[in-house]
Amino acid sequence: MTDRCPICGSDNGCALKEPGTKANECWCFHAKFPQELLALVPEEARNKSCICRHCTEGFSSAEESSSPADPRS
């Protein structure tokens, strides 16, 4: 596993990348990764590299702001 985000190239902050930390919980255990975000990961990095929190939260925020308003409100 690499310590770089496959989307932006920055440190992905994965708690599991350090030896002996497999018992630690990582922020990503509770994160939602939309299929559209996962599709941005290059084929050669899939299932080998963690997407960073910045890309995950940025994608989710952009997705929410581009969603149409709820007509019930």
PDB file of N, CA and C in Angstrom:
ATOM      1  N   MET A   1       0.851  -1.177   0.000  1.00  0.00           N
ATOM      2  CA  MET A   1       0.000   0.000   0.000  1.00  0.00           C
ATOM      3  C   MET A   1       0.893   1.235   0.000  1.00  0.00           C
ATOM      4  N   THR A   2       0.483   2.231  -0.707  1.00  0.00           N
ATOM      5  CA  THR A   2       1.252   3.463  -0.775  1.00  0.00           C
ATOM      6  C   THR A   2       0.684   4.505   0.177  1.00  0.00           C
ATOM      7  N   ASP A   3       1.505   5.466   0.555  1.00  0.00           N
ATOM      8  CA  ASP A   3       1.059   6.513   1.468  1.00  0.00           C
ATOM      9  C   ASP A   3       0.605   7.770   0.726  1.00  0.00           C
ATOM     10  N   ARG A   4       0.455   7.667  -0.573  1.00  0.00           N
ATOM     11  CA  ARG A   4       0.032   8.804  -1.398  1.00  0.00           C
ATOM     12  C   ARG A   4      -1.373   8.595  -1.941  1.00  0.00           C
ATOM     13  N   CYS A   5      -2.150   9.662  -1.932  1.00  0.00           N
ATOM     14  CA  CYS A   5      -3.496   9.628  -2.497  1.00  0.00           C
ATOM     15  C   CYS A   5      -3.381   9.450  -4.011  1.00  0.00           C
ATOM     16  N   PRO A   6      -4.113   8.502  -4.584  1.00  0.00           N
ATOM     17  CA  PRO A   6      -4.017   8.265  -6.019  1.00  0.00           C
ATOM     18  C   PRO A   6      -4.673   9.360  -6.857  1.00  0.00           C
ATOM     19  N   ILE A   7      -5.395  10.268  -6.204  1.00  0.00           N
ATOM     20  CA  ILE A   7      -6.062  11.343  -6.940  1.00  0.00           C
ATOM     21  C   ILE A   7      -5.225  12.618  -6.935  1.00  0.00           C
ATOM     22  N   CYS A   8      -4.787  13.062  -5.743  1.00  0.00           N
ATOM     23  CA  CYS A   8      -4.058  14.341  -5.673  1.00  0.00           C
ATOM     24  C   CYS A   8      -2.563  14.179  -5.429  1.00  0.00           C
ATOM     25  N   GLY A   9      -2.123  12.982  -4.991  1.00  0.00           N
ATOM     26  CA  GLY A   9      -0.706  12.736  -4.768  1.00  0.00           C
ATOM     27  C   GLY A   9      -0.191  13.148  -3.404  1.00  0.00           C
ATOM     28  N   SER A  10      -1.043  13.707  -2.543  1.00  0.00           N
ATOM     29  CA  SER A  10      -0.585  14.111  -1.212  1.00  0.00           C
ATOM     30  C   SER A  10      -0.629  12.926  -0.256  1.00  0.00           C
ATOM     31  N   ASP A  11      -0.069  13.100   0.927  1.00  0.00           N
ATOM     32  CA  ASP A  11      -0.095  12.049   1.952  1.00  0.00           C
ATOM     33  C   ASP A  11      -1.544  11.700   2.239  1.00  0.00           C
ATOM     34  N   ASN A  12      -1.890  10.429   2.198  1.00  0.00           N
ATOM     35  CA  ASN A  12      -3.292  10.050   2.372  1.00  0.00           C
ATOM     36  C   ASN A  12      -3.702   9.922   3.842  1.00  0.00           C
ATOM     37  N   GLY A  13      -2.769  10.002   4.772  1.00  0.00           N
ATOM     38  CA  GLY A  13      -3.096   9.973   6.191  1.00  0.00           C
ATOM     39  C   GLY A  13      -3.686   8.656   6.660  1.00  0.00           C
ATOM     40  N   CYS A  14      -3.385   7.585   5.984  1.00  0.00           N
ATOM     41  CA  CYS A  14      -3.948   6.279   6.339  1.00  0.00           C
ATOM     42  C   CYS A  14      -3.297   5.771   7.623  1.00  0.00           C
ATOM     43  N   ALA A  15      -4.115   5.431   8.617  1.00  0.00           N
ATOM     44  CA  ALA A  15      -3.605   4.915   9.882  1.00  0.00           C
ATOM     45  C   ALA A  15      -3.051   3.506   9.738  1.00  0.00           C
ATOM     46  N   LEU A  16      -3.404   2.811   8.680  1.00  0.00           N
ATOM     47  CA  LEU A  16      -2.965   1.430   8.502  1.00  0.00           C
ATOM     48  C   LEU A  16      -1.656   1.290   7.732  1.00  0.00           C
ATOM     49  N   LYS A  17      -1.107   2.412   7.259  1.00  0.00           N
ATOM     50  CA  LYS A  17       0.104   2.312   6.443  1.00  0.00           C
ATOM     51  C   LYS A  17       1.352   2.006   7.259  1.00  0.00           C
ATOM     52  N   GLU A  18       1.296   2.273   8.563  1.00  0.00           N
ATOM     53  CA  GLU A  18       2.447   2.019   9.420  1.00  0.00           C
ATOM     54  C   GLU A  18       2.416   0.578   9.916  1.00  0.00           C
ATOM     55  N   PRO A  19       3.558  -0.089   9.914  1.00  0.00           N
ATOM     56  CA  PRO A  19       3.588  -1.463  10.419  1.00  0.00           C
ATOM     57  C   PRO A  19       3.127  -1.514  11.876  1.00  0.00           C
ATOM     58  N   GLY A  20       2.343  -2.512  12.194  1.00  0.00           N
ATOM     59  CA  GLY A  20       1.898  -2.686  13.568  1.00  0.00           C
ATOM     60  C   GLY A  20       0.692  -1.855  13.962  1.00  0.00           C
ATOM     61  N   THR A  21       0.078  -1.147  13.015  1.00  0.00           N
ATOM     62  CA  THR A  21      -1.070  -0.297  13.359  1.00  0.00           C
ATOM     63  C   THR A  21      -2.379  -0.878  12.850  1.00  0.00           C
ATOM     64  N   LYS A  22      -2.392  -2.106  12.442  1.00  0.00           N
ATOM     65  CA  LYS A  22      -3.607  -2.690  11.869  1.00  0.00           C
ATOM     66  C   LYS A  22      -4.782  -2.686  12.844  1.00  0.00           C
ATOM     67  N   ALA A  23      -4.510  -2.653  14.130  1.00  0.00           N
ATOM     68  CA  ALA A  23      -5.591  -2.627  15.113  1.00  0.00           C
ATOM     69  C   ALA A  23      -6.158  -1.212  15.266  1.00  0.00           C
ATOM     70  N   ASN A  24      -5.401  -0.206  14.821  1.00  0.00           N
ATOM     71  CA  ASN A  24      -5.874   1.167  14.924  1.00  0.00           C
ATOM     72  C   ASN A  24      -7.036   1.418  13.981  1.00  0.00           C
ATOM     73  N   GLU A  25      -7.877   2.304  14.381  1.00  0.00           N
ATOM     74  CA  GLU A  25      -8.992   2.674  13.510  1.00  0.00           C
ATOM     75  C   GLU A  25      -8.596   3.899  12.694  1.00  0.00           C
ATOM     76  N   CYS A  26      -8.922   3.877  11.432  1.00  0.00           N
ATOM     77  CA  CYS A  26      -8.615   4.983  10.533  1.00  0.00           C
ATOM     78  C   CYS A  26      -9.884   5.784  10.262  1.00  0.00           C
ATOM     79  N   TRP A  27      -9.739   7.045   9.945  1.00  0.00           N
ATOM     80  CA  TRP A  27     -10.880   7.912   9.641  1.00  0.00           C
ATOM     81  C   TRP A  27     -11.725   7.324   8.515  1.00  0.00           C
ATOM     82  N   CYS A  28     -11.082   6.617   7.606  1.00  0.00           N
ATOM     83  CA  CYS A  28     -11.789   6.118   6.427  1.00  0.00           C
ATOM     84  C   CYS A  28     -12.744   4.961   6.722  1.00  0.00           C
ATOM     85  N   PHE A  29     -12.616   4.350   7.917  1.00  0.00           N
ATOM     86  CA  PHE A  29     -13.506   3.244   8.256  1.00  0.00           C
ATOM     87  C   PHE A  29     -14.968   3.679   8.257  1.00  0.00           C
ATOM     88  N   HIS A  30     -15.206   4.958   8.508  1.00  0.00           N
ATOM     89  CA  HIS A  30     -16.570   5.465   8.594  1.00  0.00           C
ATOM     90  C   HIS A  30     -16.913   6.445   7.473  1.00  0.00           C
ATOM     91  N   ALA A  31     -16.006   6.596   6.530  1.00  0.00           N
ATOM     92  CA  ALA A  31     -16.221   7.527   5.415  1.00  0.00           C
ATOM     93  C   ALA A  31     -17.031   6.850   4.312  1.00  0.00           C
ATOM     94  N   LYS A  32     -17.731   7.670   3.552  1.00  0.00           N
ATOM     95  CA  LYS A  32     -18.466   7.171   2.391  1.00  0.00           C
ATOM     96  C   LYS A  32     -17.679   7.567   1.139  1.00  0.00           C
ATOM     97  N   PHE A  33     -17.452   6.595   0.286  1.00  0.00           N
ATOM     98  CA  PHE A  33     -16.708   6.813  -0.947  1.00  0.00           C
ATOM     99  C   PHE A  33     -17.650   6.569  -2.122  1.00  0.00           C
ATOM    100  N   PRO A  34     -18.193   7.651  -2.688  1.00  0.00           N
ATOM    101  CA  PRO A  34     -19.108   7.484  -3.821  1.00  0.00           C
ATOM    102  C   PRO A  34     -18.408   6.789  -4.998  1.00  0.00           C
ATOM    103  N   GLN A  35     -19.170   6.025  -5.756  1.00  0.00           N
ATOM    104  CA  GLN A  35     -18.616   5.327  -6.920  1.00  0.00           C
ATOM    105  C   GLN A  35     -17.949   6.294  -7.889  1.00  0.00           C
ATOM    106  N   GLU A  36     -18.500   7.499  -8.013  1.00  0.00           N
ATOM    107  CA  GLU A  36     -17.932   8.497  -8.920  1.00  0.00           C
ATOM    108  C   GLU A  36     -16.525   8.903  -8.480  1.00  0.00           C
ATOM    109  N   LEU A  37     -16.295   8.961  -7.161  1.00  0.00           N
ATOM    110  CA  LEU A  37     -14.967   9.283  -6.640  1.00  0.00           C
ATOM    111  C   LEU A  37     -14.023   8.108  -6.872  1.00  0.00           C
ATOM    112  N   LEU A  38     -14.465   6.907  -6.570  1.00  0.00           N
ATOM    113  CA  LEU A  38     -13.633   5.720  -6.778  1.00  0.00           C
ATOM    114  C   LEU A  38     -13.246   5.558  -8.246  1.00  0.00           C
ATOM    115  N   ALA A  39     -14.107   5.987  -9.137  1.00  0.00           N
ATOM    116  CA  ALA A  39     -13.821   5.882 -10.570  1.00  0.00           C
ATOM    117  C   ALA A  39     -12.660   6.791 -10.992  1.00  0.00           C
ATOM    118  N   LEU A  40     -12.338   7.787 -10.177  1.00  0.00           N
ATOM    119  CA  LEU A  40     -11.223   8.693 -10.485  1.00  0.00           C
ATOM    120  C   LEU A  40      -9.857   8.072 -10.184  1.00  0.00           C
ATOM    121  N   VAL A  41      -9.854   6.986  -9.439  1.00  0.00           N
ATOM    122  CA  VAL A  41      -8.590   6.326  -9.083  1.00  0.00           C
ATOM    123  C   VAL A  41      -8.077   5.566 -10.303  1.00  0.00           C
ATOM    124  N   PRO A  42      -6.819   5.819 -10.698  1.00  0.00           N
ATOM    125  CA  PRO A  42      -6.256   5.101 -11.840  1.00  0.00           C
ATOM    126  C   PRO A  42      -6.269   3.589 -11.598  1.00  0.00           C
ATOM    127  N   GLU A  43      -6.498   2.837 -12.632  1.00  0.00           N
ATOM    128  CA  GLU A  43      -6.606   1.371 -12.547  1.00  0.00           C
ATOM    129  C   GLU A  43      -5.446   0.752 -11.769  1.00  0.00           C
ATOM    130  N   GLU A  44      -4.228   1.215 -12.021  1.00  0.00           N
ATOM    131  CA  GLU A  44      -3.056   0.616 -11.374  1.00  0.00           C
ATOM    132  C   GLU A  44      -2.978   0.898  -9.873  1.00  0.00           C
ATOM    133  N   ALA A  45      -3.754   1.849  -9.378  1.00  0.00           N
ATOM    134  CA  ALA A  45      -3.740   2.182  -7.948  1.00  0.00           C
ATOM    135  C   ALA A  45      -4.952   1.628  -7.200  1.00  0.00           C
ATOM    136  N   ARG A  46      -5.901   1.065  -7.912  1.00  0.00           N
ATOM    137  CA  ARG A  46      -7.119   0.559  -7.264  1.00  0.00           C
ATOM    138  C   ARG A  46      -6.792  -0.576  -6.301  1.00  0.00           C
ATOM    139  N   ASN A  47      -7.386  -0.466  -5.116  1.00  0.00           N
ATOM    140  CA  ASN A  47      -7.191  -1.451  -4.036  1.00  0.00           C
ATOM    141  C   ASN A  47      -5.746  -1.532  -3.551  1.00  0.00           C
ATOM    142  N   LYS A  48      -4.957  -0.499  -3.848  1.00  0.00           N
ATOM    143  CA  LYS A  48      -3.565  -0.461  -3.406  1.00  0.00           C
ATOM    144  C   LYS A  48      -3.232   0.835  -2.707  1.00  0.00           C
ATOM    145  N   SER A  49      -4.082   1.827  -2.834  1.00  0.00           N
ATOM    146  CA  SER A  49      -3.799   3.167  -2.365  1.00  0.00           C
ATOM    147  C   SER A  49      -5.057   3.794  -1.796  1.00  0.00           C
ATOM    148  N   CYS A  50      -4.941   4.454  -0.659  1.00  0.00           N
ATOM    149  CA  CYS A  50      -6.096   5.095  -0.033  1.00  0.00           C
ATOM    150  C   CYS A  50      -6.289   6.519  -0.560  1.00  0.00           C
ATOM    151  N   ILE A  51      -7.533   6.871  -0.792  1.00  0.00           N
ATOM    152  CA  ILE A  51      -7.870   8.249  -1.156  1.00  0.00           C
ATOM    153  C   ILE A  51      -7.782   9.080   0.120  1.00  0.00           C
ATOM    154  N   CYS A  52      -7.216  10.263   0.051  1.00  0.00           N
ATOM    155  CA  CYS A  52      -7.045  11.096   1.244  1.00  0.00           C
ATOM    156  C   CYS A  52      -8.364  11.725   1.696  1.00  0.00           C
ATOM    157  N   ARG A  53      -8.371  12.177   2.937  1.00  0.00           N
ATOM    158  CA  ARG A  53      -9.555  12.804   3.523  1.00  0.00           C
ATOM    159  C   ARG A  53      -9.934  14.069   2.745  1.00  0.00           C
ATOM    160  N   HIS A  54      -8.943  14.844   2.338  1.00  0.00           N
ATOM    161  CA  HIS A  54      -9.208  16.089   1.618  1.00  0.00           C
ATOM    162  C   HIS A  54      -9.979  15.812   0.326  1.00  0.00           C
ATOM    163  N   CYS A  55      -9.536  14.846  -0.455  1.00  0.00           N
ATOM    164  CA  CYS A  55     -10.229  14.518  -1.708  1.00  0.00           C
ATOM    165  C   CYS A  55     -11.617  13.946  -1.429  1.00  0.00           C
ATOM    166  N   THR A  56     -11.720  13.097  -0.419  1.00  0.00           N
ATOM    167  CA  THR A  56     -13.004  12.478  -0.084  1.00  0.00           C
ATOM    168  C   THR A  56     -14.017  13.519   0.364  1.00  0.00           C
ATOM    169  N   GLU A  57     -13.618  14.370   1.310  1.00  0.00           N
ATOM    170  CA  GLU A  57     -14.541  15.390   1.818  1.00  0.00           C
ATOM    171  C   GLU A  57     -14.812  16.462   0.775  1.00  0.00           C
ATOM    172  N   GLY A  58     -13.803  16.804  -0.017  1.00  0.00           N
ATOM    173  CA  GLY A  58     -13.991  17.793  -1.074  1.00  0.00           C
ATOM    174  C   GLY A  58     -14.956  17.302  -2.128  1.00  0.00           C
ATOM    175  N   PHE A  59     -14.849  16.027  -2.476  1.00  0.00           N
ATOM    176  CA  PHE A  59     -15.753  15.450  -3.466  1.00  0.00           C
ATOM    177  C   PHE A  59     -17.172  15.417  -2.926  1.00  0.00           C
ATOM    178  N   SER A  60     -17.325  15.009  -1.669  1.00  0.00           N
ATOM    179  CA  SER A  60     -18.651  14.944  -1.047  1.00  0.00           C
ATOM    180  C   SER A  60     -19.282  16.320  -0.949  1.00  0.00           C
ATOM    181  N   SER A  61     -18.491  17.333  -0.592  1.00  0.00           N
ATOM    182  CA  SER A  61     -19.007  18.702  -0.497  1.00  0.00           C
ATOM    183  C   SER A  61     -19.436  19.226  -1.858  1.00  0.00           C
ATOM    184  N   ALA A  62     -18.625  18.963  -2.881  1.00  0.00           N
ATOM    185  CA  ALA A  62     -18.957  19.419  -4.224  1.00  0.00           C
ATOM    186  C   ALA A  62     -20.207  18.711  -4.729  1.00  0.00           C
ATOM    187  N   GLU A  63     -20.328  17.429  -4.388  1.00  0.00           N
ATOM    188  CA  GLU A  63     -21.484  16.654  -4.816  1.00  0.00           C
ATOM    189  C   GLU A  63     -22.759  17.187  -4.157  1.00  0.00           C
ATOM    190  N   GLU A  64     -22.676  17.529  -2.870  1.00  0.00           N
ATOM    191  CA  GLU A  64     -23.837  18.057  -2.152  1.00  0.00           C
ATOM    192  C   GLU A  64     -24.255  19.417  -2.689  1.00  0.00           C
ATOM    193  N   SER A  65     -23.286  20.275  -3.003  1.00  0.00           N
ATOM    194  CA  SER A  65     -23.611  21.619  -3.467  1.00  0.00           C
ATOM    195  C   SER A  65     -24.152  21.603  -4.901  1.00  0.00           C
ATOM    196  N   SER A  66     -23.864  20.529  -5.649  1.00  0.00           N
ATOM    197  CA  SER A  66     -24.374  20.468  -7.018  1.00  0.00           C
ATOM    198  C   SER A  66     -25.698  19.715  -7.102  1.00  0.00           C
ATOM    199  N   SER A  67     -26.138  19.132  -5.982  1.00  0.00           N
ATOM    200  CA  SER A  67     -27.414  18.422  -5.969  1.00  0.00           C
ATOM    201  C   SER A  67     -28.558  19.415  -6.021  1.00  0.00           C
ATOM    202  N   PRO A  68     -29.629  19.093  -6.723  1.00  0.00           N
ATOM    203  CA  PRO A  68     -30.759  20.001  -6.773  1.00  0.00           C
ATOM    204  C   PRO A  68     -31.378  20.153  -5.397  1.00  0.00           C
ATOM    205  N   ALA A  69     -31.944  21.310  -5.141  1.00  0.00           N
ATOM    206  CA  ALA A  69     -32.580  21.586  -3.857  1.00  0.00           C
ATOM    207  C   ALA A  69     -33.773  20.673  -3.657  1.00  0.00           C
ATOM    208  N   ASP A  70     -34.026  20.327  -2.434  1.00  0.00           N
ATOM    209  CA  ASP A  70     -35.173  19.487  -2.096  1.00  0.00           C
ATOM    210  C   ASP A  70     -36.446  20.315  -2.281  1.00  0.00           C
ATOM    211  N   PRO A  71     -37.345  19.930  -3.163  1.00  0.00           N
ATOM    212  CA  PRO A  71     -38.554  20.714  -3.423  1.00  0.00           C
ATOM    213  C   PRO A  71     -39.499  20.753  -2.231  1.00  0.00           C
ATOM    214  N   ARG A  72     -39.282  19.889  -1.252  1.00  0.00           N
ATOM    215  CA  ARG A  72     -40.148  19.888  -0.075  1.00  0.00           C
ATOM    216  C   ARG A  72     -39.814  20.983   0.903  1.00  0.00           C
ATOM    217  N   SER A  73     -38.669  21.641   0.756  1.00  0.00           N
ATOM    218  CA  SER A  73     -38.270  22.644   1.741  1.00  0.00           C
ATOM    219  C   SER A  73     -38.840  24.007   1.449  1.00  0.00           C
TER     220      SER A  73
END
